[in-house]
C-alpha atoms as a PDB file:
ATOM      1  CA  LEU A   1     -20.205-142.668-121.672  1.00  0.00           C
ATOM      2  CA  PHE A   2     -20.397-140.921-118.305  1.00  0.00           C
ATOM      3  CA  ALA A   3     -20.312-137.469-119.570  1.00  0.00           C
ATOM      4  CA  ALA A   4     -23.710-137.823-121.736  1.00  0.00           C
ATOM      5  CA  ARG A   5     -25.677-137.000-118.365  1.00  0.00           C
ATOM      6  CA  ALA A   6     -23.166-135.528-116.122  1.00  0.00           C
ATOM      7  CA  ARG A   7     -25.441-133.523-113.755  1.00  0.00           C
ATOM      8  CA  ASP A   8     -27.816-136.596-113.309  1.00  0.00           C
ATOM      9  CA  TRP A   9     -24.959-138.720-112.543  1.00  0.00           C
ATOM     10  CA  ALA A  10     -23.519-136.290-109.941  1.00  0.00           C
ATOM     11  CA  GLU A  11     -26.875-135.763-108.134  1.00  0.00           C
ATOM     12  CA  THR A  12     -27.857-139.376-107.949  1.00  0.00           C
ATOM     13  CA  TRP A  13     -24.870-141.851-107.981  1.00  0.00           C
ATOM     14  CA  GLU A  14     -22.485-139.270-106.503  1.00  0.00           C
ATOM     15  CA  GLY A  15     -25.029-137.540-104.228  1.00  0.00           C
ATOM     16  CA  SER A  16     -24.947-137.706-100.385  1.00  0.00           C
ATOM     17  CA  LEU A  17     -26.642-141.236-100.613  1.00  0.00           C
ATOM     18  CA  GLY A  18     -24.655-142.425-103.637  1.00  0.00           C
ATOM     19  CA  TRP A  19     -23.357-145.914-104.073  1.00  0.00           C
ATOM     20  CA  GLY A  20     -19.880-144.846-103.056  1.00  0.00           C
ATOM     21  CA  THR A  21     -20.413-142.917 -99.687  1.00  0.00           C
ATOM     22  CA  PRO A  22     -19.972-146.117 -97.207  1.00  0.00           C
ATOM     23  CA  VAL A  23     -16.812-147.379 -99.174  1.00  0.00           C
ATOM     24  CA  TYR A  24     -15.457-143.711 -99.317  1.00  0.00           C
ATOM     25  CA  GLU A  25     -15.834-143.496 -95.579  1.00  0.00           C
ATOM     26  CA  HIS A  26     -14.058-146.818 -95.147  1.00  0.00           C
ATOM     27  CA  VAL A  27     -11.148-145.774 -97.389  1.00  0.00           C
ATOM     28  CA  LEU A  28     -10.794-142.364 -95.415  1.00  0.00           C
ATOM     29  CA  ASP A  29     -10.704-144.003 -92.094  1.00  0.00           C
ATOM     30  CA  ARG A  30      -8.220-146.914 -93.291  1.00  0.00           C
ATOM     31  CA  ALA A  31      -5.948-144.377 -94.820  1.00  0.00           C
ATOM     32  CA  LYS A  32      -6.311-141.866 -91.979  1.00  0.00           C
ATOM     33  CA  ILE A  33      -6.955-139.114 -94.260  1.00  0.00           C
ATOM     34  CA  GLY A  34      -6.727-135.674 -92.579  1.00  0.00           C
ATOM     35  CA  SER A  35      -5.246-132.331 -92.484  1.00  0.00           C
ATOM     36  CA  GLY A  36      -2.559-132.020 -95.198  1.00  0.00           C
ATOM     37  CA  THR A  37      -2.994-135.468 -96.528  1.00  0.00           C
ATOM     38  CA  ARG A  38      -2.432-135.345-100.337  1.00  0.00           C
ATOM     39  CA  VAL A  39      -5.033-137.482-102.061  1.00  0.00           C
ATOM     40  CA  LEU A  40      -5.697-138.310-105.667  1.00  0.00           C
ATOM     41  CA  ASP A  41      -8.866-139.936-106.937  1.00  0.00           C
ATOM     42  CA  CYS A  42      -8.067-141.835-110.119  1.00  0.00           C
ATOM     43  CA  GLY A  43     -11.453-141.811-112.231  1.00  0.00           C
ATOM     44  CA  CYS A  44     -12.937-139.260-109.816  1.00  0.00           C
ATOM     45  CA  GLY A  45     -16.165-138.652-111.713  1.00  0.00           C
ATOM     46  CA  ALA A  46     -18.111-135.764-110.364  1.00  0.00           C
ATOM     47  CA  GLY A  47     -15.610-135.771-107.233  1.00  0.00           C
ATOM     48  CA  ARG A  48     -17.786-136.712-104.380  1.00  0.00           C
ATOM     49  CA  PHE A  49     -14.754-138.693-102.741  1.00  0.00           C
ATOM     50  CA  PRO A  50     -12.454-135.734-103.214  1.00  0.00           C
ATOM     51  CA  ARG A  51     -14.951-133.434-101.516  1.00  0.00           C
ATOM     52  CA  MET A  52     -15.399-135.851 -98.721  1.00  0.00           C
ATOM     53  CA  ALA A  53     -11.583-135.852 -98.226  1.00  0.00           C
ATOM     54  CA  ALA A  54     -11.135-132.168 -98.615  1.00  0.00           C
ATOM     55  CA  ASP A  55     -13.748-131.826 -95.721  1.00  0.00           C
ATOM     56  CA  ARG A  56     -11.412-133.654 -93.386  1.00  0.00           C
ATOM     57  CA  GLY A  57      -8.657-131.233 -94.340  1.00  0.00           C
ATOM     58  CA  ALA A  58      -6.845-133.162 -97.245  1.00  0.00           C
ATOM     59  CA  ILE A  59      -5.391-131.480-100.327  1.00  0.00           C
ATOM     60  CA  VAL A  60      -7.121-133.365-103.188  1.00  0.00           C
ATOM     61  CA  ALA A  61      -6.726-133.884-106.800  1.00  0.00           C
ATOM     62  CA  GLY A  62      -8.625-135.991-109.294  1.00  0.00           C
ATOM     63  CA  ILE A  63      -8.653-137.036-112.939  1.00  0.00           C
ATOM     64  CA  ASP A  64     -11.275-138.402-115.147  1.00  0.00           C
ATOM     65  CA  ALA A  65     -11.803-138.661-119.037  1.00  0.00           C
ATOM     66  CA  ALA A  66     -15.363-136.896-118.909  1.00  0.00           C
ATOM     67  CA  ALA A  67     -14.553-133.077-118.982  1.00  0.00           C
ATOM     68  CA  SER A  68     -18.201-132.542-117.875  1.00  0.00           C
ATOM     69  CA  LEU A  69     -17.715-134.646-114.775  1.00  0.00           C
ATOM     70  CA  ILE A  70     -14.365-132.831-113.982  1.00  0.00           C
ATOM     71  CA  ASP A  71     -16.189-129.572-114.314  1.00  0.00           C
ATOM     72  CA  ILE A  72     -18.578-130.452-111.668  1.00  0.00           C
ATOM     73  CA  ALA A  73     -15.861-131.860-109.335  1.00  0.00           C
ATOM     74  CA  ALA A  74     -14.180-128.504-109.707  1.00  0.00           C
ATOM     75  CA  GLU A  75     -17.429-126.833-108.596  1.00  0.00           C
ATOM     76  CA  ARG A  76     -17.664-128.921-105.628  1.00  0.00           C
ATOM     77  CA  THR A  77     -14.112-128.515-104.407  1.00  0.00           C
ATOM     78  CA  PRO A  78     -12.613-125.310-106.040  1.00  0.00           C
ATOM     79  CA  GLU A  79      -9.539-125.784-104.129  1.00  0.00           C
ATOM     80  CA  GLY A  80      -8.767-129.032-105.768  1.00  0.00           C
ATOM     81  CA  ASP A  81      -6.485-130.010-108.620  1.00  0.00           C
ATOM     82  CA  PHE A  82      -8.993-131.642-111.347  1.00  0.00           C
ATOM     83  CA  ARG A  83      -7.734-132.586-114.685  1.00  0.00           C
ATOM     84  CA  VAL A  84      -9.155-134.323-117.804  1.00  0.00           C
ATOM     85  CA  GLY A  85      -6.722-137.000-118.681  1.00  0.00           C
ATOM     86  CA  ASP A  86      -5.823-140.686-119.169  1.00  0.00           C
ATOM     87  CA  LEU A  87      -5.632-143.252-116.183  1.00  0.00           C
ATOM     88  CA  GLU A  88      -2.774-144.976-117.868  1.00  0.00           C
ATOM     89  CA  ALA A  89      -0.845-141.713-118.158  1.00  0.00           C
ATOM     90  CA  LEU A  90      -1.164-139.590-114.929  1.00  0.00           C
ATOM     91  CA  PRO A  91      -0.013-135.859-115.289  1.00  0.00           C
ATOM     92  CA  TRP A  92       1.757-135.976-112.054  1.00  0.00           C
ATOM     93  CA  PRO A  93       5.331-136.467-110.793  1.00  0.00           C
ATOM     94  CA  ASP A  94       6.332-139.678-108.950  1.00  0.00           C
ATOM     95  CA  ASP A  95       5.385-139.601-105.348  1.00  0.00           C
ATOM     96  CA  SER A  96       3.035-136.648-105.476  1.00  0.00           C
ATOM     97  CA  PHE A  97       0.468-138.164-103.028  1.00  0.00           C
ATOM     98  CA  ASN A  98       0.049-139.869 -99.811  1.00  0.00           C
ATOM     99  CA  VAL A  99      -3.024-141.681-101.007  1.00  0.00           C
ATOM    100  CA  ALA A 100      -4.212-142.637-104.353  1.00  0.00           C
ATOM    101  CA  ALA A 101      -7.680-144.351-104.782  1.00  0.00           C
ATOM    102  CA  ARG A 102      -9.541-145.972-107.662  1.00  0.00           C
ATOM    103  CA  PHE A 103     -13.117-146.334-106.940  1.00  0.00           C
ATOM    104  CA  SER A 104     -14.838-148.548-109.472  1.00  0.00           C
ATOM    105  CA  SER A 105     -12.698-147.037-112.540  1.00  0.00           C
ATOM    106  CA  PHE A 106      -9.764-149.444-112.634  1.00  0.00           C
ATOM    107  CA  GLN A 107     -11.884-151.936-114.790  1.00  0.00           C
ATOM    108  CA  PHE A 108     -12.489-149.316-117.568  1.00  0.00           C
ATOM    109  CA  ALA A 109      -8.765-149.081-118.173  1.00  0.00           C
ATOM    110  CA  ASP A 110      -7.603-150.507-121.630  1.00  0.00           C
ATOM    111  CA  ASN A 111      -4.483-151.582-119.968  1.00  0.00           C
ATOM    112  CA  GLN A 112      -5.256-152.397-116.451  1.00  0.00           C
ATOM    113  CA  THR A 113      -1.594-153.151-115.335  1.00  0.00           C
ATOM    114  CA  ARG A 114      -0.475-149.983-116.842  1.00  0.00           C
ATOM    115  CA  ALA A 115      -3.197-148.073-114.721  1.00  0.00           C
ATOM    116  CA  LEU A 116      -2.257-149.755-111.626  1.00  0.00           C
ATOM    117  CA  ALA A 117       1.552-149.101-112.217  1.00  0.00           C
ATOM    118  CA  GLU A 118       0.641-145.230-112.709  1.00  0.00           C
ATOM    119  CA  ALA A 119      -1.475-145.056-109.529  1.00  0.00           C
ATOM    120  CA  ARG A 120       1.489-146.639-107.537  1.00  0.00           C
ATOM    121  CA  ARG A 121       3.936-144.371-109.324  1.00  0.00           C
ATOM    122  CA  VAL A 122       2.480-141.129-108.159  1.00  0.00           C
ATOM    123  CA  SER A 123       1.695-142.291-104.631  1.00  0.00           C
ATOM    124  CA  HIS A 124       4.404-143.091-102.109  1.00  0.00           C
ATOM    125  CA  GLY A 125       1.732-144.270 -99.479  1.00  0.00           C
ATOM    126  CA  TYR A 126      -1.471-145.922 -99.639  1.00  0.00           C
ATOM    127  CA  VAL A 127      -3.146-147.344-102.811  1.00  0.00           C
ATOM    128  CA  ALA A 128      -6.740-148.553-102.689  1.00  0.00           C
ATOM    129  CA  VAL A 129      -8.505-150.240-105.475  1.00  0.00           C
ATOM    130  CA  VAL A 130     -12.224-150.803-105.191  1.00  0.00           C
ATOM    131  CA  ILE A 131     -14.376-152.939-107.522  1.00  0.00           C
ATOM    132  CA  PRO A 132     -17.961-154.206-107.415  1.00  0.00           C
ATOM    133  CA  SER A 133     -18.370-157.778-105.660  1.00  0.00           C
ATOM    134  CA  ARG A 134     -21.200-160.224-105.554  1.00  0.00           C
ATOM    135  CA  VAL A 135     -22.393-159.121-108.720  1.00  0.00           C
ATOM    136  CA  ALA A 136     -25.074-161.860-108.975  1.00  0.00           C
ATOM    137  CA  ASP A 137     -26.717-160.689-105.870  1.00  0.00           C
ATOM    138  CA  SER A 138     -26.284-156.938-106.654  1.00  0.00           C
ATOM    139  CA  GLY A 139     -29.411-154.757-107.000  1.00  0.00           C
ATOM    140  CA  ILE A 140     -27.698-152.990-109.829  1.00  0.00           C
ATOM    141  CA  THR A 141     -27.240-156.128-111.930  1.00  0.00           C
ATOM    142  CA  GLN A 142     -30.731-157.004-111.373  1.00  0.00           C
ATOM    143  CA  VAL A 143     -32.008-153.648-112.633  1.00  0.00           C
ATOM    144  CA  PHE A 144     -29.601-153.824-115.771  1.00  0.00           C
ATOM    145  CA  LYS A 145     -30.666-157.326-116.652  1.00  0.00           C
ATOM    146  CA  PRO A 146     -33.910-156.379-118.746  1.00  0.00           C
ATOM    147  CA  LEU A 147     -31.740-153.802-120.332  1.00  0.00           C
ATOM    148  CA  VAL A 148     -29.381-156.236-121.945  1.00  0.00           C
ATOM    149  CA  PRO A 149     -31.703-156.757-125.140  1.00  0.00           C
ATOM    150  CA  LEU A 150     -31.869-152.881-125.327  1.00  0.00           C
ATOM    151  CA  PHE A 151     -28.056-152.669-125.921  1.00  0.00           C
ATOM    152  CA  PRO A 152     -26.201-153.033-129.306  1.00  0.00           C
ATOM    153  CA  ALA A 153     -24.762-156.568-129.351  1.00  0.00           C
ATOM    154  CA  GLU A 154     -21.137-155.178-129.924  1.00  0.00           C
ATOM    155  CA  ALA A 155     -21.465-153.016-126.760  1.00  0.00           C
ATOM    156  CA  MET A 156     -22.259-155.845-124.562  1.00  0.00           C
ATOM    157  CA  GLU A 157     -19.429-157.735-125.740  1.00  0.00           C
ATOM    158  CA  SER A 158     -17.049-154.907-125.088  1.00  0.00           C
ATOM    159  CA  MET A 159     -18.438-154.228-121.696  1.00  0.00           C
ATOM    160  CA  LYS A 160     -17.823-157.660-120.684  1.00  0.00           C
ATOM    161  CA  GLN A 161     -14.065-156.985-121.248  1.00  0.00           C
ATOM    162  CA  SER A 162     -13.857-153.512-119.923  1.00  0.00           C
ATOM    163  CA  GLY A 163     -17.064-152.650-118.269  1.00  0.00           C
ATOM    164  CA  MET A 164     -18.379-152.101-114.842  1.00  0.00           C
ATOM    165  CA  PHE A 165     -18.144-155.603-113.858  1.00  0.00           C
ATOM    166  CA  ALA A 166     -14.929-156.608-115.905  1.00  0.00           C
ATOM    167  CA  LEU A 167     -12.836-157.199-112.924  1.00  0.00           C
ATOM    168  CA  SER A 168     -15.671-158.753-110.623  1.00  0.00           C
ATOM    169  CA  GLU A 169     -15.354-162.306-111.994  1.00  0.00           C
ATOM    170  CA  PRO A 170     -13.855-164.493-109.272  1.00  0.00           C
ATOM    171  CA  GLY A 171     -10.032-164.330-109.587  1.00  0.00           C
ATOM    172  CA  ARG A 172      -9.736-161.736-112.306  1.00  0.00           C
ATOM    173  CA  LEU A 173      -8.363-159.038-110.235  1.00  0.00           C
ATOM    174  CA  ASP A 174      -6.153-161.281-108.323  1.00  0.00           C
ATOM    175  CA  ARG A 175      -4.696-162.335-111.691  1.00  0.00           C
ATOM    176  CA  VAL A 176      -4.129-158.767-112.722  1.00  0.00           C
ATOM    177  CA  LEU A 177      -2.425-158.037-109.475  1.00  0.00           C
ATOM    178  CA  ALA A 178      -0.331-161.257-109.791  1.00  0.00           C
ATOM    179  CA  THR A 179       0.940-160.304-113.340  1.00  0.00           C
ATOM    180  CA  ALA A 180       2.057-156.805-111.535  1.00  0.00           C
ATOM    181  CA  GLY A 181       3.938-158.914-108.901  1.00  0.00           C
ATOM    182  CA  LEU A 182       1.356-157.779-106.127  1.00  0.00           C
ATOM    183  CA  SER A 183      -0.957-159.143-103.612  1.00  0.00           C
ATOM    184  CA  PRO A 184      -3.277-157.081-101.406  1.00  0.00           C
ATOM    185  CA  GLN A 185      -1.922-156.060 -97.900  1.00  0.00           C
ATOM    186  CA  HIS A 186      -5.676-155.913 -96.985  1.00  0.00           C
ATOM    187  CA  ASP A 187      -8.576-157.190 -98.849  1.00  0.00           C
ATOM    188  CA  ASP A 188     -12.275-156.909 -97.566  1.00  0.00           C
ATOM    189  CA  GLU A 189     -15.959-156.219 -98.533  1.00  0.00           C
ATOM    190  CA  VAL A 190     -18.074-153.086 -97.855  1.00  0.00           C
ATOM    191  CA  ASP A 191     -21.695-153.091 -97.898  1.00  0.00           C
ATOM    192  CA  CYS A 192     -22.678-150.301-100.122  1.00  0.00           C
ATOM    193  CA  ARG A 193     -26.587-150.381-100.161  1.00  0.00           C
ATOM    194  CA  ILE A 194     -27.889-147.820-102.436  1.00  0.00           C
ATOM    195  CA  PHE A 195     -30.873-145.754-101.599  1.00  0.00           C
ATOM    196  CA  PHE A 196     -33.223-143.537-103.522  1.00  0.00           C
ATOM    197  CA  GLU A 197     -36.004-141.294-102.388  1.00  0.00           C
ATOM    198  CA  ASP A 198     -38.530-142.862-104.841  1.00  0.00           C
ATOM    199  CA  ALA A 199     -38.581-144.751-108.028  1.00  0.00           C
ATOM    200  CA  ASN A 200     -38.369-141.523-110.184  1.00  0.00           C
ATOM    201  CA  ALA A 201     -35.003-140.689-108.582  1.00  0.00           C
ATOM    202  CA  ALA A 202     -33.869-144.223-109.153  1.00  0.00           C
ATOM    203  CA  VAL A 203     -34.961-144.061-112.772  1.00  0.00           C
ATOM    204  CA  ARG A 204     -33.209-140.936-113.366  1.00  0.00           C
ATOM    205  CA  ALA A 205     -30.021-142.248-111.898  1.00  0.00           C
ATOM    206  CA  PHE A 206     -29.931-145.478-114.085  1.00  0.00           C
ATOM    207  CA  VAL A 207     -31.010-143.524-117.250  1.00  0.00           C
ATOM    208  CA  GLY A 208     -28.172-141.062-116.373  1.00  0.00           C
ATOM    209  CA  ALA A 209     -25.594-143.894-115.896  1.00  0.00           C
ATOM    210  CA  GLY A 210     -22.658-143.977-118.467  1.00  0.00           C
ATOM    211  CA  PRO A 211     -23.353-147.434-119.962  1.00  0.00           C
ATOM    212  CA  THR A 212     -27.012-146.651-120.278  1.00  0.00           C
ATOM    213  CA  ALA A 213     -26.381-144.190-122.991  1.00  0.00           C
ATOM    214  CA  LEU A 214     -25.591-146.996-125.383  1.00  0.00           C
ATOM    215  CA  ALA A 215     -28.977-148.593-124.708  1.00  0.00           C
ATOM    216  CA  ILE A 216     -30.835-145.260-125.276  1.00  0.00           C
ATOM    217  CA  GLN A 217     -28.992-144.639-128.504  1.00  0.00           C
ATOM    218  CA  GLN A 218     -30.297-148.154-129.747  1.00  0.00           C
ATOM    219  CA  SER A 219     -33.717-148.332-128.212  1.00  0.00           C
ATOM    220  CA  GLY A 220     -35.004-144.980-127.131  1.00  0.00           C
ATOM    221  CA  GLU A 221     -35.103-143.348-123.757  1.00  0.00           C
ATOM    222  CA  GLU A 222     -38.629-144.180-123.161  1.00  0.00           C
ATOM    223  CA  THR A 223     -38.252-147.847-123.509  1.00  0.00           C
ATOM    224  CA  VAL A 224     -35.069-147.838-121.234  1.00  0.00           C
ATOM    225  CA  ALA A 225     -36.762-145.913-118.540  1.00  0.00           C
ATOM    226  CA  GLY A 226     -39.763-148.216-118.584  1.00  0.00           C
ATOM    227  CA  ALA A 227     -37.513-151.340-118.234  1.00  0.00           C
ATOM    228  CA  VAL A 228     -35.614-149.666-115.318  1.00  0.00           C
ATOM    229  CA  ARG A 229     -38.869-148.755-113.611  1.00  0.00           C
ATOM    230  CA  GLY A 230     -40.261-152.382-114.015  1.00  0.00           C
ATOM    231  CA  ALA A 231     -37.034-153.666-112.620  1.00  0.00           C
ATOM    232  CA  LEU A 232     -37.104-151.489-109.647  1.00  0.00           C
ATOM    233  CA  SER A 233     -40.502-152.706-108.220  1.00  0.00           C
ATOM    234  CA  VAL A 234     -38.795-155.676-106.186  1.00  0.00           C
ATOM    235  CA  PHE A 235     -36.593-153.100-104.296  1.00  0.00           C
ATOM    236  CA  THR A 236     -39.291-150.506-103.604  1.00  0.00           C
ATOM    237  CA  ASP A 237     -40.970-150.629-100.084  1.00  0.00           C
ATOM    238  CA  SER A 238     -44.571-149.615 -98.988  1.00  0.00           C
ATOM    239  CA  GLU A 239     -43.582-146.043 -98.718  1.00  0.00           C
ATOM    240  CA  GLY A 240     -42.032-145.965-102.279  1.00  0.00           C
ATOM    241  CA  HIS A 241     -38.419-145.834-101.186  1.00  0.00           C
ATOM    242  CA  VAL A 242     -35.892-147.854-103.331  1.00  0.00           C
ATOM    243  CA  ALA A 243     -33.055-149.724-101.615  1.00  0.00           C
ATOM    244  CA  LEU A 244     -30.514-151.703-103.726  1.00  0.00           C
ATOM    245  CA  PRO A 245     -28.227-154.285-102.279  1.00  0.00           C
ATOM    246  CA  ALA A 246     -24.538-153.653-103.304  1.00  0.00           C
ATOM    247  CA  TRP A 247     -21.134-154.748-102.334  1.00  0.00           C
ATOM    248  CA  TYR A 248     -17.681-153.698-103.155  1.00  0.00           C
ATOM    249  CA  ARG A 249     -14.375-155.141-102.653  1.00  0.00           C
ATOM    250  CA  ARG A 250     -11.532-153.082-101.395  1.00  0.00           C
ATOM    251  CA  CYS A 251      -7.815-153.932-101.830  1.00  0.00           C
ATOM    252  CA  ASP A 252      -4.992-152.042-100.116  1.00  0.00           C
ATOM    253  CA  LEU A 253      -1.748-152.497-102.213  1.00  0.00           C
ATOM    254  CA  PRO A 254       1.682-152.199-100.802  1.00  0.00           C
ATOM    255  CA  SER A 255       3.661-148.947-101.184  1.00  0.00           C
ATOM    256  CA  VAL A 256       7.021-150.537-101.895  1.00  0.00           C
ATOM    257  CA  SER A 257       8.890-149.620-105.305  1.00  0.00           C
ATOM    258  CA  ARG A 258       7.367-150.630-108.435  1.00  0.00           C
ATOM    259  CA  PRO A 259       8.487-154.093-109.417  1.00  0.00           C
ATOM    260  CA  GLN A 260      10.198-154.295-112.697  1.00  0.00           C
ATOM    261  CA  CYS A 261       7.413-156.508-114.157  1.00  0.00           C
ATOM    262  CA  ILE A 262       4.941-153.640-114.168  1.00  0.00           C
ATOM    263  CA  GLN A 263       7.164-151.431-115.887  1.00  0.00           C
ATOM    264  CA  GLU A 264       7.872-153.972-118.502  1.00  0.00           C
ATOM    265  CA  SER A 265       4.302-155.110-119.147  1.00  0.00           C
ATOM    266  CA  ALA A 266       2.947-151.437-119.326  1.00  0.00           C
END
């Protein structure tokens, strides 16, 4: 889904003011990423986080299912190791990295326990899992609400199970971690308010977001763009700038050996 408009995604959601910048900086600081740190971004998209890590001297790698996004990640950080692949079968040996991070990608895995096991397998140090939180209050949710009738019904049901907010339901991530025999070493929330220069930039971002492609296929781009523009009005200031409230939960996972239960359930 995220490959459909890769360049739009890269320049808006993964631009300098993109949704992840505050939480990326949070993880970079928390993990003490610097010169020589080996960092893997699981579900790296267009490679904004690896670029920020490389700017601190890290040796970076990333994996994503969308080849078009991997191409952009490689453009941004030519020295990085970027691969198209499956988050549930990472193509690196055990303990290849000091840090493995999953920014709003864990919830898209078909087998989330397996994906978690893989991230821990390839990292002998810090593992961070980041998912959306406070979903009901999120500006992203408010903008997507009027789009719901524009999606195919079966797509909406699928997204509830493995979509952007699939692990944001209270207690759901904790249950997945408990199944894996884990509890976070550190668990907090990061304010990731999202800014756009104007409504046109915000419309481009939402129309270019992966899940929106399904609504466009069903209802047409003009209809989808119009619904987005209407929903943005409450987040637009007198000068035309758009600011969407958003929060993300960040969990640090222990770097001990993989429990047997992870391997058995994978």
